[in-house]
């Protein structure tokens, strides 16, 4: 008997309590599930899963050649790499610096890993640089050339990864039409690119594109000035890779892969 004289059946009380809790959880399911999903995502985002890395080992990177029209009706033969089988997903275009080529994106397993993650990565040899296998020619307007290259490769509003020397291609391309930049590229990952000083702070502020600025902690060449200029972009996040130099993506590929993956999950569909 309870103090009030009413008999209390513990089994009934527990049943009522269980039903009440069940109703609360059911009515707030979307909030609980969102919370749990966020917690799981936070754990997973500390690293790229071993399952993805194992899948990447089963994929083949293939090298191709394509003709791209340039000035005066001429064309240039461009070497590029992609992954077989093609798994679809968001297109990612990897450019390179003066000392590198598309082969370096293969050596760091970047192409295979992002294919295994469900994206469509393509790395190109630009028509200049010490290691490029493409024809070395003056393509004229580099922004226009990159536009033609993207069209020739049949890429759809690709995310553009642009280290060092490749900034002389990516920046003119993006600034060709700032108002419609979202129709030309879904995101920008500059890694200490050149020629950032060619644009004013006001010009940068007109370029509303999701951006992950990446630089190496030990980059004493282009990195500091480049980063300062790029921070004028209105939709940017900043990532310093500890212990890395100018080629931060190559010095610390695992760290770079995680930065890029998180960016793609947050900023692109």
Protein backbone atom coordinates (compact mmCIF):
# COMPACT_ATOMS: atom_id res chain seq x y z
CA UNK A 1 0.00 0.00 0.00
CA UNK A 2 1.18 3.53 -0.68
CA UNK A 3 1.00 6.18 2.03
CA UNK A 4 -2.25 7.38 0.44
CA UNK A 5 -3.76 3.94 0.79
CA UNK A 6 -3.70 3.23 -2.97
CA UNK A 7 -2.16 -0.08 -3.96
CA UNK A 8 0.75 0.39 -6.39
CA UNK A 9 1.59 -2.42 -8.80
CA UNK A 10 5.31 -2.04 -9.64
CA UNK A 11 4.93 -3.94 -12.92
CA UNK A 12 2.23 -1.55 -14.09
CA UNK A 13 4.31 1.47 -13.08
CA UNK A 14 7.32 0.16 -14.99
CA UNK A 15 5.15 -0.55 -18.03
CA UNK A 16 3.70 2.96 -17.96
CA UNK A 17 7.21 4.41 -17.59
CA UNK A 18 8.50 2.35 -20.53
CA UNK A 19 5.56 3.45 -22.71
CA UNK A 20 6.14 7.10 -21.76
CA UNK A 21 9.83 6.91 -22.63
CA UNK A 22 8.96 5.18 -25.89
CA UNK A 23 6.54 7.94 -26.84
CA UNK A 24 9.14 10.63 -26.06
CA UNK A 25 11.79 8.88 -28.16
CA UNK A 26 9.35 8.29 -31.03
CA UNK A 27 8.19 11.91 -31.08
CA UNK A 28 11.77 13.16 -31.03
CA UNK A 29 13.31 10.48 -33.23
CA UNK A 30 14.74 12.84 -35.81
CA UNK A 31 16.59 14.78 -33.11
CA UNK A 32 18.00 11.65 -31.47
CA UNK A 33 19.00 10.16 -34.81
CA UNK A 34 20.66 13.39 -35.94
CA UNK A 35 22.62 13.52 -32.70
CA UNK A 36 23.73 9.90 -33.00
CA UNK A 37 24.66 10.32 -36.67
CA UNK A 38 26.73 13.39 -35.83
CA UNK A 39 28.58 11.51 -33.09
CA UNK A 40 29.31 8.60 -35.45
CA UNK A 41 30.43 10.98 -38.19
CA UNK A 42 32.77 12.77 -35.81
CA UNK A 43 34.44 9.46 -34.98
CA UNK A 44 34.71 8.37 -38.59
CA UNK A 45 36.05 11.73 -39.69
CA UNK A 46 39.22 11.35 -37.65
CA UNK A 47 40.54 9.17 -40.44
CA UNK A 48 39.59 7.58 -43.73
CA UNK A 49 38.41 4.05 -42.98
CA UNK A 50 40.58 1.03 -43.61
CA UNK A 51 37.80 -0.44 -45.74
CA UNK A 52 38.12 2.51 -48.15
CA UNK A 53 41.91 2.21 -48.21
CA UNK A 54 41.61 -1.52 -48.96
CA UNK A 55 39.11 -0.82 -51.75
CA UNK A 56 41.47 1.77 -53.23
CA UNK A 57 44.13 -0.94 -53.62
CA UNK A 58 41.81 -2.85 -55.99
CA UNK A 59 41.36 0.10 -58.36
CA UNK A 60 43.50 0.82 -61.39
CA UNK A 61 44.74 4.25 -62.42
CA UNK A 62 44.96 4.61 -66.19
CA UNK A 63 46.77 7.18 -68.32
CA UNK A 64 45.16 8.75 -71.39
CA UNK A 65 45.75 11.49 -73.94
CA UNK A 66 43.31 14.06 -75.23
CA UNK A 67 43.51 16.91 -77.74
CA UNK A 68 42.45 20.35 -76.51
CA UNK A 69 41.95 23.27 -78.87
CA UNK A 70 43.92 26.41 -78.10
CA UNK A 71 44.57 29.71 -79.90
CA UNK A 72 44.64 30.14 -83.69
CA UNK A 73 42.88 26.83 -84.32
CA UNK A 74 45.79 24.83 -82.93
CA UNK A 75 45.45 21.99 -80.45
CA UNK A 76 47.65 20.57 -77.70
CA UNK A 77 47.91 16.97 -76.55
CA UNK A 78 47.23 16.67 -72.83
CA UNK A 79 48.02 13.65 -70.66
CA UNK A 80 45.60 12.84 -67.88
CA UNK A 81 44.90 10.08 -65.38
CA UNK A 82 41.67 8.67 -64.03
CA UNK A 83 40.51 5.55 -62.21
CA UNK A 84 39.04 2.36 -63.62
CA UNK A 85 36.30 1.31 -63.05
CA UNK A 86 34.63 4.71 -62.97
CA UNK A 87 32.36 4.79 -59.92
CA UNK A 88 30.70 8.13 -60.66
CA UNK A 89 30.13 10.85 -58.10
CA UNK A 90 31.36 14.43 -57.92
CA UNK A 91 34.16 15.27 -60.37
CA UNK A 92 37.46 16.40 -58.82
CA UNK A 93 40.13 17.96 -61.02
CA UNK A 94 43.69 17.73 -59.67
CA UNK A 95 46.23 20.17 -61.11
CA UNK A 96 49.94 20.33 -60.23
CA UNK A 97 52.89 22.61 -59.53
CA UNK A 98 56.03 23.34 -61.53
CA UNK A 99 58.03 20.34 -60.28
CA UNK A 100 55.22 17.78 -60.48
CA UNK A 101 52.69 16.10 -62.77
CA UNK A 102 49.53 14.00 -62.64
CA UNK A 103 51.71 11.01 -61.80
CA UNK A 104 52.33 12.43 -58.32
CA UNK A 105 48.61 12.29 -57.54
CA UNK A 106 48.76 8.61 -58.44
CA UNK A 107 51.86 8.01 -56.29
CA UNK A 108 50.17 9.52 -53.22
CA UNK A 109 47.17 7.19 -53.83
CA UNK A 110 44.96 10.27 -54.00
CA UNK A 111 43.18 9.21 -57.18
CA UNK A 112 42.41 5.68 -56.01
CA UNK A 113 41.32 6.76 -52.52
CA UNK A 114 38.87 9.39 -53.73
CA UNK A 115 37.47 7.01 -56.30
CA UNK A 116 36.95 4.48 -53.51
CA UNK A 117 35.18 7.21 -51.52
CA UNK A 118 32.68 7.60 -54.35
CA UNK A 119 34.09 10.55 -56.29
CA UNK A 120 35.38 10.82 -59.86
CA UNK A 121 38.98 12.11 -59.66
CA UNK A 122 40.92 13.22 -62.73
CA UNK A 123 44.52 14.49 -62.69
CA UNK A 124 46.04 16.29 -65.66
CA UNK A 125 49.51 17.16 -66.88
CA UNK A 126 49.44 20.87 -67.60
CA UNK A 127 51.29 22.06 -70.73
CA UNK A 128 54.25 23.25 -68.64
CA UNK A 129 56.37 22.07 -65.75
CA UNK A 130 59.51 19.96 -65.33
CA UNK A 131 57.73 16.60 -65.11
CA UNK A 132 54.76 17.09 -67.42
CA UNK A 133 54.23 14.54 -70.20
CA UNK A 134 51.88 16.85 -72.10
CA UNK A 135 53.05 18.99 -74.99
CA UNK A 136 54.77 22.11 -73.71
CA UNK A 137 53.24 25.04 -75.55
CA UNK A 138 52.02 28.55 -74.89
CA UNK A 139 48.27 28.12 -74.61
CA UNK A 140 47.56 31.84 -74.42
CA UNK A 141 44.76 32.70 -71.99
CA UNK A 142 45.23 30.06 -69.28
CA UNK A 143 41.79 30.52 -67.78
CA UNK A 144 40.20 29.93 -71.18
CA UNK A 145 42.48 26.93 -71.73
CA UNK A 146 41.36 25.37 -68.44
CA UNK A 147 37.75 25.93 -69.43
CA UNK A 148 38.35 24.10 -72.71
CA UNK A 149 40.21 21.31 -70.92
CA UNK A 150 37.33 20.80 -68.46
CA UNK A 151 34.91 20.65 -71.39
CA UNK A 152 37.11 18.20 -73.30
CA UNK A 153 37.31 15.94 -70.24
CA UNK A 154 33.52 16.15 -69.84
CA UNK A 155 33.79 17.25 -66.21
CA UNK A 156 30.67 18.68 -64.54
CA UNK A 157 31.34 21.68 -62.28
CA UNK A 158 34.42 19.97 -60.84
CA UNK A 159 35.99 20.69 -57.50
CA UNK A 160 39.41 22.11 -58.45
CA UNK A 161 42.53 21.23 -56.46
CA UNK A 162 45.21 23.75 -57.38
CA UNK A 163 48.76 23.72 -55.98
CA UNK A 164 51.44 26.31 -56.69
CA UNK A 165 52.06 26.98 -60.41
CA UNK A 166 48.57 25.75 -61.35
CA UNK A 167 47.14 28.89 -59.76
CA UNK A 168 48.01 30.64 -63.02
CA UNK A 169 45.31 28.44 -64.60
CA UNK A 170 42.72 28.00 -61.85
CA UNK A 171 42.45 31.61 -60.68
CA UNK A 172 41.91 33.14 -64.16
CA UNK A 173 39.35 30.39 -64.84
CA UNK A 174 37.37 31.14 -61.67
CA UNK A 175 37.56 34.91 -62.13
CA UNK A 176 36.36 34.74 -65.75
CA UNK A 177 32.76 34.88 -64.53
CA UNK A 178 32.53 35.42 -60.74
CA UNK A 179 28.75 35.81 -60.76
CA UNK A 180 28.26 32.33 -62.26
CA UNK A 181 31.23 30.64 -60.63
CA UNK A 182 28.97 28.01 -59.00
CA UNK A 183 28.03 26.83 -62.50
CA UNK A 184 31.71 26.38 -63.36
CA UNK A 185 33.14 24.80 -60.21
CA UNK A 186 31.62 23.28 -57.07
CA UNK A 187 34.62 24.05 -54.88
CA UNK A 188 38.20 25.30 -54.78
CA UNK A 189 41.15 23.85 -52.87
CA UNK A 190 44.14 26.18 -53.39
CA UNK A 191 47.43 24.93 -51.97
CA UNK A 192 49.77 27.94 -51.97
CA UNK A 193 48.99 28.86 -55.58
CA UNK A 194 50.85 31.52 -57.55
CA UNK A 195 49.40 34.81 -58.84
CA UNK A 196 47.09 35.47 -55.91
CA UNK A 197 48.46 39.02 -55.82
CA UNK A 198 46.91 39.66 -59.24
CA UNK A 199 43.49 40.19 -57.68
CA UNK A 200 42.31 42.85 -55.23
CA UNK A 201 40.53 42.10 -51.94
CA UNK A 202 37.33 43.44 -53.50
CA UNK A 203 37.73 41.07 -56.44
CA UNK A 204 38.16 38.10 -54.11
CA UNK A 205 35.05 39.10 -52.18
CA UNK A 206 33.04 38.84 -55.41
CA UNK A 207 34.01 35.18 -55.81
CA UNK A 208 31.53 33.21 -53.72
CA UNK A 209 32.83 29.67 -54.04
CA UNK A 210 33.31 27.11 -51.23
CA UNK A 211 37.06 27.10 -50.59
CA UNK A 212 39.50 25.15 -48.42
CA UNK A 213 42.78 27.06 -48.25
CA UNK A 214 45.62 24.62 -47.53
CA UNK A 215 49.23 25.48 -46.74
CA UNK A 216 52.25 23.85 -45.14
CA UNK A 217 53.54 25.00 -41.77
CA UNK A 218 57.08 25.22 -43.15
CA UNK A 219 56.26 26.89 -46.47
CA UNK A 220 58.36 30.05 -46.47
CA UNK A 221 58.02 30.74 -50.20
CA UNK A 222 54.59 31.34 -51.72
CA UNK A 223 52.44 30.06 -48.88
CA UNK A 224 52.25 33.06 -46.49
CA UNK A 225 51.40 35.73 -49.08
CA UNK A 226 49.12 33.39 -51.01
CA UNK A 227 47.18 32.49 -47.88
CA UNK A 228 46.78 36.13 -46.87
CA UNK A 229 45.29 37.03 -50.25
CA UNK A 230 43.01 34.00 -50.44
CA UNK A 231 41.51 34.73 -47.04
CA UNK A 232 39.57 37.52 -48.75
CA UNK A 233 37.35 34.85 -50.33
CA UNK A 234 34.00 35.06 -48.51
CA UNK A 235 33.32 31.33 -48.15
CA UNK A 236 36.63 29.85 -47.00
CA UNK A 237 38.10 27.61 -44.35
CA UNK A 238 41.79 27.56 -43.46
CA UNK A 239 43.97 24.48 -42.96
CA UNK A 240 47.63 24.46 -41.96
CA UNK A 241 49.34 21.07 -42.32
CA UNK A 242 51.93 20.73 -39.59
CA UNK A 243 55.41 19.65 -40.62
CA UNK A 244 54.70 20.18 -44.32
CA UNK A 245 56.45 22.47 -46.77
CA UNK A 246 55.30 24.14 -49.97
CA UNK A 247 54.01 20.87 -51.48
CA UNK A 248 51.90 20.15 -48.39
CA UNK A 249 49.66 17.70 -50.25
CA UNK A 250 52.71 15.56 -51.10
CA UNK A 251 54.58 15.95 -47.80
CA UNK A 252 51.60 14.83 -45.71
CA UNK A 253 49.15 13.06 -48.03
CA UNK A 254 47.08 11.42 -45.27
CA UNK A 255 46.41 14.77 -43.64
CA UNK A 256 45.60 16.35 -46.98
CA UNK A 257 43.22 13.52 -47.92
CA UNK A 258 41.26 14.01 -44.71
CA UNK A 259 41.03 17.78 -45.22
CA UNK A 260 39.75 17.30 -48.76
CA UNK A 261 37.29 14.56 -47.76
CA UNK A 262 35.79 16.62 -44.94
CA UNK A 263 35.47 19.59 -47.27
CA UNK A 264 33.68 17.52 -49.91
CA UNK A 265 31.24 16.12 -47.35
CA UNK A 266 30.42 19.56 -45.93
CA UNK A 267 30.49 21.78 -48.98
CA UNK A 268 29.46 19.70 -51.99
CA UNK A 269 26.63 17.37 -52.88
